[in-house]
Amino acid sequence: MATDSVTQHRQASPTKLRCAVMTLSTTRTKENDTGGGGIREELLAAGHSVLWYEIVKDDVPAITAALTQLRTMNDLDIIVCTGGTGISPYDVTIEAARPLFDKEIPAFSVMFAMLSREQVGMACLLSRATAGVLGNKVVFCLPGSPKACKLAMEKIIVPEAGHLVKHARERKTDSAAACHRPGAGQ
């Protein structure tokens, strides 16, 4: 159950987000990218706009370059990546993204694993899905499975992204002022 402050934050959160979708693969094209294509569809169906959608080679330099480029785009709120979050030697999305995060959102990984367990049992251990803040943008790193992407989009990202973006946009001075308000943090 949401507390009054959470309800207030959600009400003050943006409802129309500007999004980027990045599929990490050496074999996918936009024509056969069911994971990234599904993410794009979910975002559009929720009333958000997708300003950038690309297939990026799944290696650390390419992922780092794409995220660095997206970080500089002032008109973006969230970045949703799909692919490369597993445990094979070829899965390097987390190694590329995590060092760029200003802050990590560890509860995303926990909640995604819990929801995934309901669908795939203990195979949920194979995913290292994560999320973090990159500048004033929220980045989600999802598995390549279209089913996993749909789960994350429906249960976590679409319902909560605006609230996360609201906080990612806050300036340090805004946060410091909030800490000194009576009743802050309750």
N, C-alpha and C. Protein backbone atom coordinates (compact mmCIF):
# COMPACT_ATOMS: atom_id res chain seq x y z
N MET A 1 0.84 -1.17 0.00
CA MET A 1 0.00 0.00 0.00
C MET A 1 0.89 1.24 0.00
N ALA A 2 0.57 2.20 -0.85
CA ALA A 2 1.37 3.42 -0.97
C ALA A 2 1.09 4.37 0.19
N THR A 3 2.16 4.95 0.70
CA THR A 3 2.00 5.96 1.76
C THR A 3 1.56 7.27 1.12
N ASP A 4 1.13 8.21 1.96
CA ASP A 4 0.70 9.51 1.43
C ASP A 4 1.80 10.20 0.64
N SER A 5 3.05 10.14 1.12
CA SER A 5 4.14 10.81 0.40
C SER A 5 4.41 10.14 -0.94
N VAL A 6 4.29 8.81 -1.00
CA VAL A 6 4.48 8.12 -2.27
C VAL A 6 3.37 8.52 -3.25
N THR A 7 2.16 8.59 -2.76
CA THR A 7 1.03 9.01 -3.59
C THR A 7 1.26 10.42 -4.12
N GLN A 8 1.72 11.32 -3.25
CA GLN A 8 2.00 12.69 -3.67
C GLN A 8 3.10 12.74 -4.72
N HIS A 9 4.16 11.94 -4.52
CA HIS A 9 5.26 11.90 -5.49
C HIS A 9 4.76 11.40 -6.84
N ARG A 10 3.95 10.36 -6.81
CA ARG A 10 3.44 9.81 -8.08
C ARG A 10 2.56 10.83 -8.80
N GLN A 11 1.77 11.57 -8.03
CA GLN A 11 0.91 12.58 -8.64
C GLN A 11 1.74 13.71 -9.27
N ALA A 12 2.91 13.98 -8.71
CA ALA A 12 3.79 15.03 -9.22
C ALA A 12 4.76 14.51 -10.30
N SER A 13 4.66 13.23 -10.62
CA SER A 13 5.58 12.62 -11.58
C SER A 13 5.09 12.83 -13.01
N PRO A 14 6.04 12.87 -13.96
CA PRO A 14 5.64 13.02 -15.36
C PRO A 14 4.87 11.78 -15.84
N THR A 15 3.87 12.00 -16.66
CA THR A 15 3.06 10.89 -17.17
C THR A 15 3.38 10.56 -18.62
N LYS A 16 4.01 11.47 -19.32
CA LYS A 16 4.42 11.26 -20.71
C LYS A 16 5.94 11.30 -20.76
N LEU A 17 6.54 10.15 -20.93
CA LEU A 17 8.01 10.06 -20.92
C LEU A 17 8.56 10.00 -22.33
N ARG A 18 9.77 10.50 -22.47
CA ARG A 18 10.50 10.46 -23.73
C ARG A 18 11.55 9.36 -23.59
N CYS A 19 11.49 8.38 -24.48
CA CYS A 19 12.21 7.13 -24.26
C CYS A 19 13.18 6.78 -25.39
N ALA A 20 14.17 6.00 -25.01
CA ALA A 20 15.09 5.37 -25.96
C ALA A 20 15.02 3.87 -25.72
N VAL A 21 15.08 3.10 -26.79
CA VAL A 21 15.10 1.64 -26.70
C VAL A 21 16.34 1.16 -27.43
N MET A 22 17.13 0.34 -26.73
CA MET A 22 18.37 -0.17 -27.30
C MET A 22 18.38 -1.69 -27.19
N THR A 23 18.46 -2.36 -28.33
CA THR A 23 18.59 -3.81 -28.36
C THR A 23 20.06 -4.14 -28.58
N LEU A 24 20.61 -4.98 -27.72
CA LEU A 24 22.02 -5.37 -27.81
C LEU A 24 22.10 -6.73 -28.48
N SER A 25 22.63 -6.75 -29.70
CA SER A 25 22.67 -8.00 -30.46
C SER A 25 23.56 -7.85 -31.68
N THR A 26 24.12 -8.97 -32.11
CA THR A 26 24.84 -8.99 -33.38
C THR A 26 24.02 -9.70 -34.44
N THR A 27 22.86 -10.25 -34.05
CA THR A 27 22.04 -11.01 -35.01
C THR A 27 20.68 -10.38 -35.28
N ARG A 28 20.21 -9.51 -34.44
CA ARG A 28 18.88 -8.91 -34.60
C ARG A 28 18.90 -7.73 -35.58
N THR A 29 17.75 -7.55 -36.22
CA THR A 29 17.49 -6.36 -37.02
C THR A 29 16.18 -5.78 -36.49
N LYS A 30 15.84 -4.58 -36.91
CA LYS A 30 14.56 -4.00 -36.45
C LYS A 30 13.38 -4.84 -36.92
N GLU A 31 13.55 -5.57 -38.00
CA GLU A 31 12.47 -6.41 -38.52
C GLU A 31 12.23 -7.65 -37.66
N ASN A 32 13.27 -8.19 -37.03
CA ASN A 32 13.08 -9.41 -36.23
C ASN A 32 13.36 -9.21 -34.74
N ASP A 33 13.41 -7.98 -34.31
CA ASP A 33 13.70 -7.66 -32.90
C ASP A 33 12.41 -7.67 -32.09
N THR A 34 12.02 -8.84 -31.64
CA THR A 34 10.77 -8.95 -30.88
C THR A 34 10.90 -8.38 -29.47
N GLY A 35 12.09 -8.44 -28.87
CA GLY A 35 12.29 -7.87 -27.53
C GLY A 35 12.21 -6.35 -27.56
N GLY A 36 13.07 -5.70 -28.32
CA GLY A 36 13.07 -4.25 -28.43
C GLY A 36 11.80 -3.71 -29.06
N GLY A 37 11.30 -4.43 -30.05
CA GLY A 37 10.04 -4.03 -30.68
C GLY A 37 8.89 -4.08 -29.69
N GLY A 38 8.88 -5.10 -28.86
CA GLY A 38 7.83 -5.22 -27.83
C GLY A 38 7.93 -4.12 -26.79
N ILE A 39 9.14 -3.78 -26.40
CA ILE A 39 9.35 -2.67 -25.45
C ILE A 39 8.81 -1.37 -26.05
N ARG A 40 9.17 -1.15 -27.29
CA ARG A 40 8.71 0.05 -28.00
C ARG A 40 7.18 0.12 -28.02
N GLU A 41 6.55 -1.00 -28.35
CA GLU A 41 5.08 -1.06 -28.40
C GLU A 41 4.47 -0.78 -27.02
N GLU A 42 5.04 -1.36 -25.97
CA GLU A 42 4.53 -1.14 -24.60
C GLU A 42 4.63 0.34 -24.22
N LEU A 43 5.75 0.97 -24.56
CA LEU A 43 5.92 2.39 -24.24
C LEU A 43 4.91 3.25 -24.99
N LEU A 44 4.74 2.99 -26.27
CA LEU A 44 3.79 3.76 -27.07
C LEU A 44 2.36 3.55 -26.58
N ALA A 45 2.01 2.30 -26.25
CA ALA A 45 0.66 2.00 -25.75
C ALA A 45 0.37 2.72 -24.43
N ALA A 46 1.42 2.98 -23.64
CA ALA A 46 1.26 3.68 -22.36
C ALA A 46 1.24 5.20 -22.55
N GLY A 47 1.35 5.68 -23.78
CA GLY A 47 1.28 7.11 -24.05
C GLY A 47 2.62 7.82 -24.05
N HIS A 48 3.70 7.06 -23.99
CA HIS A 48 5.04 7.65 -24.02
C HIS A 48 5.50 7.77 -25.47
N SER A 49 6.57 8.52 -25.69
CA SER A 49 7.13 8.62 -27.04
C SER A 49 8.49 7.93 -27.06
N VAL A 50 8.79 7.31 -28.18
CA VAL A 50 10.09 6.66 -28.38
C VAL A 50 10.85 7.52 -29.39
N LEU A 51 11.86 8.22 -28.88
CA LEU A 51 12.62 9.15 -29.71
C LEU A 51 13.84 8.51 -30.35
N TRP A 52 14.25 7.36 -29.83
CA TRP A 52 15.47 6.71 -30.31
C TRP A 52 15.28 5.21 -30.16
N TYR A 53 15.52 4.47 -31.22
CA TYR A 53 15.43 3.00 -31.18
C TYR A 53 16.49 2.46 -32.11
N GLU A 54 17.43 1.73 -31.55
CA GLU A 54 18.53 1.19 -32.36
C GLU A 54 18.92 -0.21 -31.90
N ILE A 55 19.51 -0.93 -32.83
CA ILE A 55 20.17 -2.21 -32.53
C ILE A 55 21.64 -1.87 -32.39
N VAL A 56 22.25 -2.22 -31.26
CA VAL A 56 23.65 -1.91 -30.99
C VAL A 56 24.40 -3.22 -30.80
N LYS A 57 25.58 -3.30 -31.37
CA LYS A 57 26.42 -4.48 -31.21
C LYS A 57 26.64 -4.75 -29.74
N ASP A 58 26.50 -6.01 -29.35
CA ASP A 58 26.62 -6.34 -27.92
C ASP A 58 28.08 -6.56 -27.52
N ASP A 59 28.81 -5.45 -27.51
CA ASP A 59 30.16 -5.45 -26.93
C ASP A 59 30.31 -4.18 -26.09
N VAL A 60 31.21 -4.21 -25.15
CA VAL A 60 31.34 -3.12 -24.18
C VAL A 60 31.58 -1.76 -24.85
N PRO A 61 32.52 -1.64 -25.80
CA PRO A 61 32.73 -0.31 -26.40
C PRO A 61 31.49 0.24 -27.11
N ALA A 62 30.76 -0.60 -27.83
CA ALA A 62 29.57 -0.13 -28.55
C ALA A 62 28.47 0.28 -27.58
N ILE A 63 28.25 -0.50 -26.54
CA ILE A 63 27.22 -0.18 -25.54
C ILE A 63 27.59 1.10 -24.80
N THR A 64 28.86 1.20 -24.40
CA THR A 64 29.33 2.40 -23.70
C THR A 64 29.15 3.64 -24.56
N ALA A 65 29.51 3.54 -25.84
CA ALA A 65 29.37 4.68 -26.76
C ALA A 65 27.90 5.09 -26.90
N ALA A 66 27.01 4.11 -27.05
CA ALA A 66 25.58 4.43 -27.22
C ALA A 66 25.02 5.07 -25.95
N LEU A 67 25.33 4.52 -24.78
CA LEU A 67 24.83 5.10 -23.53
C LEU A 67 25.41 6.49 -23.29
N THR A 68 26.65 6.69 -23.65
CA THR A 68 27.28 8.01 -23.50
C THR A 68 26.59 9.03 -24.41
N GLN A 69 26.27 8.62 -25.62
CA GLN A 69 25.52 9.49 -26.55
C GLN A 69 24.14 9.81 -25.97
N LEU A 70 23.44 8.80 -25.49
CA LEU A 70 22.09 9.00 -24.96
C LEU A 70 22.09 9.88 -23.71
N ARG A 71 23.15 9.78 -22.93
CA ARG A 71 23.26 10.62 -21.72
C ARG A 71 23.22 12.10 -22.08
N THR A 72 23.76 12.47 -23.24
CA THR A 72 23.82 13.88 -23.63
C THR A 72 22.53 14.39 -24.26
N MET A 73 21.60 13.52 -24.54
CA MET A 73 20.34 13.92 -25.17
C MET A 73 19.39 14.48 -24.10
N ASN A 74 19.22 15.78 -24.11
CA ASN A 74 18.40 16.43 -23.08
C ASN A 74 16.92 16.08 -23.17
N ASP A 75 16.48 15.58 -24.31
CA ASP A 75 15.06 15.31 -24.47
C ASP A 75 14.67 13.87 -24.13
N LEU A 76 15.52 13.14 -23.41
CA LEU A 76 15.21 11.76 -23.00
C LEU A 76 14.96 11.69 -21.50
N ASP A 77 14.06 10.78 -21.11
CA ASP A 77 13.79 10.52 -19.69
C ASP A 77 14.25 9.12 -19.28
N ILE A 78 13.97 8.12 -20.13
CA ILE A 78 14.37 6.75 -19.80
C ILE A 78 15.03 6.08 -20.99
N ILE A 79 15.86 5.11 -20.68
CA ILE A 79 16.52 4.28 -21.68
C ILE A 79 16.24 2.84 -21.27
N VAL A 80 15.67 2.06 -22.19
CA VAL A 80 15.41 0.66 -21.90
C VAL A 80 16.26 -0.17 -22.85
N CYS A 81 17.16 -0.96 -22.25
CA CYS A 81 18.05 -1.83 -23.02
C CYS A 81 17.56 -3.27 -22.89
N THR A 82 17.71 -4.05 -23.94
CA THR A 82 17.36 -5.46 -23.88
C THR A 82 18.48 -6.29 -24.49
N GLY A 83 18.85 -7.35 -23.77
CA GLY A 83 19.89 -8.27 -24.23
C GLY A 83 21.17 -8.13 -23.44
N GLY A 84 21.90 -9.23 -23.37
CA GLY A 84 23.23 -9.21 -22.77
C GLY A 84 23.29 -9.14 -21.26
N THR A 85 22.22 -9.56 -20.56
CA THR A 85 22.23 -9.48 -19.10
C THR A 85 22.41 -10.84 -18.43
N GLY A 86 22.69 -11.85 -19.22
CA GLY A 86 22.86 -13.19 -18.66
C GLY A 86 24.26 -13.41 -18.10
N ILE A 87 24.64 -14.67 -17.97
CA ILE A 87 25.92 -14.99 -17.34
C ILE A 87 26.95 -15.57 -18.31
N SER A 88 26.62 -15.65 -19.60
CA SER A 88 27.60 -16.18 -20.55
C SER A 88 28.70 -15.14 -20.77
N PRO A 89 29.85 -15.57 -21.28
CA PRO A 89 30.93 -14.62 -21.55
C PRO A 89 30.54 -13.53 -22.55
N TYR A 90 29.52 -13.78 -23.37
CA TYR A 90 29.08 -12.81 -24.37
C TYR A 90 28.12 -11.77 -23.80
N ASP A 91 27.62 -11.98 -22.60
CA ASP A 91 26.67 -11.07 -21.97
C ASP A 91 27.44 -9.98 -21.24
N VAL A 92 27.52 -8.78 -21.86
CA VAL A 92 28.36 -7.71 -21.30
C VAL A 92 27.61 -6.39 -21.08
N THR A 93 26.29 -6.42 -21.17
CA THR A 93 25.53 -5.18 -20.99
C THR A 93 25.76 -4.58 -19.60
N ILE A 94 25.74 -5.41 -18.59
CA ILE A 94 25.90 -4.91 -17.22
C ILE A 94 27.32 -4.34 -17.03
N GLU A 95 28.31 -5.02 -17.59
CA GLU A 95 29.69 -4.52 -17.48
C GLU A 95 29.86 -3.17 -18.16
N ALA A 96 29.10 -2.93 -19.22
CA ALA A 96 29.18 -1.64 -19.93
C ALA A 96 28.36 -0.56 -19.22
N ALA A 97 27.18 -0.90 -18.75
CA ALA A 97 26.26 0.10 -18.20
C ALA A 97 26.59 0.50 -16.76
N ARG A 98 26.85 -0.47 -15.92
CA ARG A 98 27.01 -0.19 -14.49
C ARG A 98 28.07 0.87 -14.18
N PRO A 99 29.25 0.87 -14.81
CA PRO A 99 30.23 1.91 -14.50
C PRO A 99 29.78 3.33 -14.89
N LEU A 100 28.79 3.43 -15.76
CA LEU A 100 28.29 4.74 -16.18
C LEU A 100 27.20 5.28 -15.25
N PHE A 101 26.61 4.40 -14.45
CA PHE A 101 25.53 4.83 -13.56
C PHE A 101 26.05 5.81 -12.51
N ASP A 102 25.28 6.88 -12.29
CA ASP A 102 25.55 7.76 -11.17
C ASP A 102 25.04 7.12 -9.88
N LYS A 103 23.95 6.39 -10.01
CA LYS A 103 23.38 5.63 -8.90
C LYS A 103 22.76 4.37 -9.49
N GLU A 104 22.88 3.27 -8.76
CA GLU A 104 22.22 2.04 -9.16
C GLU A 104 20.89 1.94 -8.41
N ILE A 105 19.93 1.24 -9.00
CA ILE A 105 18.62 1.02 -8.38
C ILE A 105 18.52 -0.48 -8.09
N PRO A 106 19.11 -0.95 -6.99
CA PRO A 106 19.18 -2.39 -6.72
C PRO A 106 17.83 -3.06 -6.52
N ALA A 107 16.83 -2.35 -6.06
CA ALA A 107 15.51 -2.96 -5.86
C ALA A 107 14.90 -3.41 -7.18
N PHE A 108 15.27 -2.77 -8.29
CA PHE A 108 14.77 -3.23 -9.59
C PHE A 108 15.16 -4.68 -9.83
N SER A 109 16.43 -5.00 -9.60
CA SER A 109 16.92 -6.37 -9.81
C SER A 109 16.16 -7.35 -8.94
N VAL A 110 15.95 -6.98 -7.69
CA VAL A 110 15.26 -7.86 -6.74
C VAL A 110 13.82 -8.10 -7.20
N MET A 111 13.12 -7.02 -7.51
CA MET A 111 11.71 -7.15 -7.91
C MET A 111 11.58 -7.90 -9.23
N PHE A 112 12.49 -7.64 -10.17
CA PHE A 112 12.44 -8.36 -11.44
C PHE A 112 12.67 -9.86 -11.21
N ALA A 113 13.63 -10.20 -10.37
CA ALA A 113 13.90 -11.62 -10.08
C ALA A 113 12.69 -12.28 -9.42
N MET A 114 12.06 -11.58 -8.49
CA MET A 114 10.87 -12.15 -7.83
C MET A 114 9.75 -12.41 -8.84
N LEU A 115 9.49 -11.43 -9.70
CA LEU A 115 8.44 -11.61 -10.70
C LEU A 115 8.82 -12.67 -11.73
N SER A 116 10.09 -12.72 -12.11
CA SER A 116 10.56 -13.72 -13.08
C SER A 116 10.43 -15.13 -12.53
N ARG A 117 10.69 -15.27 -11.24
CA ARG A 117 10.59 -16.60 -10.62
C ARG A 117 9.20 -17.18 -10.79
N GLU A 118 8.18 -16.34 -10.74
CA GLU A 118 6.81 -16.81 -10.95
C GLU A 118 6.63 -17.39 -12.35
N GLN A 119 7.39 -16.88 -13.33
CA GLN A 119 7.26 -17.33 -14.72
C GLN A 119 8.21 -18.46 -15.08
N VAL A 120 9.47 -18.36 -14.60
CA VAL A 120 10.48 -19.32 -15.08
C VAL A 120 11.14 -20.12 -13.96
N GLY A 121 10.62 -20.02 -12.76
CA GLY A 121 11.21 -20.75 -11.64
C GLY A 121 12.61 -20.25 -11.32
N MET A 122 13.46 -21.14 -10.90
CA MET A 122 14.81 -20.76 -10.49
C MET A 122 15.71 -20.38 -11.66
N ALA A 123 15.23 -20.52 -12.88
CA ALA A 123 16.00 -20.01 -14.03
C ALA A 123 16.13 -18.49 -13.94
N CYS A 124 15.38 -17.86 -13.04
CA CYS A 124 15.53 -16.41 -12.83
C CYS A 124 16.95 -16.06 -12.39
N LEU A 125 17.67 -17.04 -11.87
CA LEU A 125 19.06 -16.80 -11.44
C LEU A 125 19.98 -16.47 -12.60
N LEU A 126 19.57 -16.76 -13.83
CA LEU A 126 20.41 -16.52 -15.00
C LEU A 126 20.43 -15.07 -15.44
N SER A 127 19.54 -14.26 -14.91
CA SER A 127 19.47 -12.86 -15.32
C SER A 127 20.16 -11.94 -14.32
N ARG A 128 20.88 -10.97 -14.88
CA ARG A 128 21.50 -9.92 -14.05
C ARG A 128 20.84 -8.58 -14.37
N ALA A 129 19.56 -8.60 -14.72
CA ALA A 129 18.85 -7.37 -15.05
C ALA A 129 19.07 -6.34 -13.94
N THR A 130 19.24 -5.10 -14.35
CA THR A 130 19.48 -4.04 -13.38
C THR A 130 18.94 -2.72 -13.91
N ALA A 131 19.01 -1.71 -13.06
CA ALA A 131 18.60 -0.35 -13.46
C ALA A 131 19.48 0.64 -12.72
N GLY A 132 19.56 1.84 -13.27
CA GLY A 132 20.35 2.87 -12.62
C GLY A 132 20.02 4.24 -13.18
N VAL A 133 20.62 5.23 -12.59
CA VAL A 133 20.45 6.62 -13.01
C VAL A 133 21.70 7.04 -13.76
N LEU A 134 21.49 7.61 -14.93
CA LEU A 134 22.56 8.09 -15.80
C LEU A 134 22.27 9.56 -16.07
N GLY A 135 22.96 10.44 -15.35
CA GLY A 135 22.62 11.86 -15.43
C GLY A 135 21.25 12.06 -14.81
N ASN A 136 20.31 12.55 -15.61
CA ASN A 136 18.94 12.71 -15.12
C ASN A 136 17.99 11.72 -15.80
N LYS A 137 18.54 10.64 -16.33
CA LYS A 137 17.76 9.61 -17.02
C LYS A 137 17.79 8.32 -16.21
N VAL A 138 16.75 7.53 -16.35
CA VAL A 138 16.71 6.22 -15.71
C VAL A 138 16.95 5.17 -16.80
N VAL A 139 17.88 4.26 -16.53
CA VAL A 139 18.25 3.21 -17.48
C VAL A 139 17.82 1.87 -16.92
N PHE A 140 17.15 1.08 -17.75
CA PHE A 140 16.75 -0.27 -17.38
C PHE A 140 17.47 -1.23 -18.31
N CYS A 141 18.13 -2.24 -17.76
CA CYS A 141 18.83 -3.26 -18.54
C CYS A 141 18.09 -4.58 -18.35
N LEU A 142 17.41 -5.02 -19.41
CA LEU A 142 16.56 -6.20 -19.36
C LEU A 142 17.17 -7.35 -20.16
N PRO A 143 16.74 -8.57 -19.85
CA PRO A 143 17.17 -9.71 -20.67
C PRO A 143 16.66 -9.56 -22.11
N GLY A 144 17.16 -10.41 -22.99
CA GLY A 144 16.74 -10.37 -24.39
C GLY A 144 15.44 -11.10 -24.65
N SER A 145 14.97 -11.89 -23.72
CA SER A 145 13.74 -12.64 -23.90
C SER A 145 12.53 -11.71 -24.02
N PRO A 146 11.75 -11.83 -25.10
CA PRO A 146 10.55 -10.99 -25.23
C PRO A 146 9.60 -11.16 -24.04
N LYS A 147 9.49 -12.36 -23.52
CA LYS A 147 8.62 -12.61 -22.36
C LYS A 147 9.12 -11.85 -21.13
N ALA A 148 10.43 -11.84 -20.92
CA ALA A 148 11.02 -11.10 -19.79
C ALA A 148 10.84 -9.59 -19.98
N CYS A 149 10.99 -9.13 -21.21
CA CYS A 149 10.79 -7.69 -21.49
C CYS A 149 9.36 -7.29 -21.19
N LYS A 150 8.41 -8.10 -21.64
CA LYS A 150 6.99 -7.81 -21.40
C LYS A 150 6.69 -7.77 -19.91
N LEU A 151 7.22 -8.72 -19.17
CA LEU A 151 7.03 -8.77 -17.72
C LEU A 151 7.55 -7.49 -17.06
N ALA A 152 8.78 -7.11 -17.38
CA ALA A 152 9.39 -5.91 -16.78
C ALA A 152 8.61 -4.66 -17.16
N MET A 153 8.20 -4.57 -18.40
CA MET A 153 7.47 -3.39 -18.85
C MET A 153 6.12 -3.28 -18.14
N GLU A 154 5.37 -4.37 -18.11
CA GLU A 154 4.01 -4.33 -17.54
C GLU A 154 4.00 -4.19 -16.03
N LYS A 155 4.89 -4.88 -15.35
CA LYS A 155 4.82 -4.94 -13.89
C LYS A 155 5.68 -3.90 -13.18
N ILE A 156 6.73 -3.40 -13.85
CA ILE A 156 7.64 -2.49 -13.15
C ILE A 156 7.80 -1.16 -13.89
N ILE A 157 8.26 -1.21 -15.12
CA ILE A 157 8.69 0.01 -15.81
C ILE A 157 7.53 0.94 -16.13
N VAL A 158 6.51 0.46 -16.80
CA VAL A 158 5.39 1.35 -17.15
C VAL A 158 4.73 1.93 -15.90
N PRO A 159 4.46 1.11 -14.87
CA PRO A 159 3.81 1.70 -13.69
C PRO A 159 4.70 2.64 -12.87
N GLU A 160 6.02 2.45 -12.88
CA GLU A 160 6.86 3.19 -11.93
C GLU A 160 7.87 4.14 -12.55
N ALA A 161 8.05 4.11 -13.87
CA ALA A 161 9.10 4.92 -14.50
C ALA A 161 8.94 6.41 -14.25
N GLY A 162 7.73 6.92 -14.32
CA GLY A 162 7.52 8.35 -14.09
C GLY A 162 7.98 8.78 -12.71
N HIS A 163 7.69 7.97 -11.72
CA HIS A 163 8.09 8.26 -10.34
C HIS A 163 9.62 8.27 -10.22
N LEU A 164 10.28 7.30 -10.86
CA LEU A 164 11.74 7.25 -10.84
C LEU A 164 12.33 8.46 -11.56
N VAL A 165 11.74 8.81 -12.70
CA VAL A 165 12.23 9.97 -13.46
C VAL A 165 12.09 11.25 -12.64
N LYS A 166 10.99 11.40 -11.92
CA LYS A 166 10.79 12.58 -11.09
C LYS A 166 11.98 12.76 -10.15
N HIS A 167 12.40 11.69 -9.51
CA HIS A 167 13.52 11.78 -8.57
C HIS A 167 14.87 11.92 -9.27
N ALA A 168 15.03 11.29 -10.44
CA ALA A 168 16.29 11.42 -11.19
C ALA A 168 16.51 12.85 -11.67
N ARG A 169 15.43 13.58 -11.89
CA ARG A 169 15.52 14.96 -12.36
C ARG A 169 15.84 15.96 -11.25
N GLU A 170 15.66 15.55 -9.99
CA GLU A 170 15.90 16.49 -8.90
C GLU A 170 17.35 16.92 -8.86
N ARG A 171 17.55 18.15 -8.53
CA ARG A 171 18.91 18.66 -8.37
C ARG A 171 19.34 18.43 -6.94
N LYS A 172 20.62 18.46 -6.72
CA LYS A 172 21.15 18.26 -5.38
C LYS A 172 20.60 19.30 -4.42
N THR A 173 20.46 20.53 -4.86
CA THR A 173 19.93 21.58 -3.99
C THR A 173 18.47 21.30 -3.65
N ASP A 174 17.71 20.72 -4.59
CA ASP A 174 16.32 20.36 -4.31
C ASP A 174 16.25 19.30 -3.22
N SER A 175 17.13 18.29 -3.31
CA SER A 175 17.15 17.22 -2.33
C SER A 175 17.57 17.74 -0.96
N ALA A 176 18.58 18.61 -0.94
CA ALA A 176 19.06 19.15 0.33
C ALA A 176 17.96 19.97 0.99
N ALA A 177 17.22 20.74 0.20
CA ALA A 177 16.13 21.54 0.77
C ALA A 177 15.04 20.63 1.32
N ALA A 178 14.78 19.53 0.64
CA ALA A 178 13.75 18.60 1.10
C ALA A 178 14.11 17.98 2.44
N CYS A 179 15.40 17.74 2.65
CA CYS A 179 15.85 17.14 3.91
C CYS A 179 15.64 18.08 5.08
N HIS A 180 15.60 19.36 4.83
CA HIS A 180 15.46 20.32 5.91
C HIS A 180 14.03 20.78 6.15
N ARG A 181 13.10 20.28 5.33
CA ARG A 181 11.70 20.62 5.55
C ARG A 181 11.16 19.83 6.72
N PRO A 182 10.29 20.42 7.52
CA PRO A 182 9.65 19.66 8.61
C PRO A 182 8.88 18.48 8.03
N GLY A 183 9.07 17.32 8.64
CA GLY A 183 8.36 16.13 8.21
C GLY A 183 8.99 15.41 7.04
N ALA A 184 10.10 15.91 6.51
CA ALA A 184 10.75 15.27 5.37
C ALA A 184 11.24 13.89 5.77
N GLY A 185 11.11 12.97 4.85
CA GLY A 185 11.60 11.62 5.08
C GLY A 185 10.62 10.74 5.82
N GLN A 186 9.42 11.22 6.11
CA GLN A 186 8.43 10.40 6.81
C GLN A 186 7.54 9.71 5.84
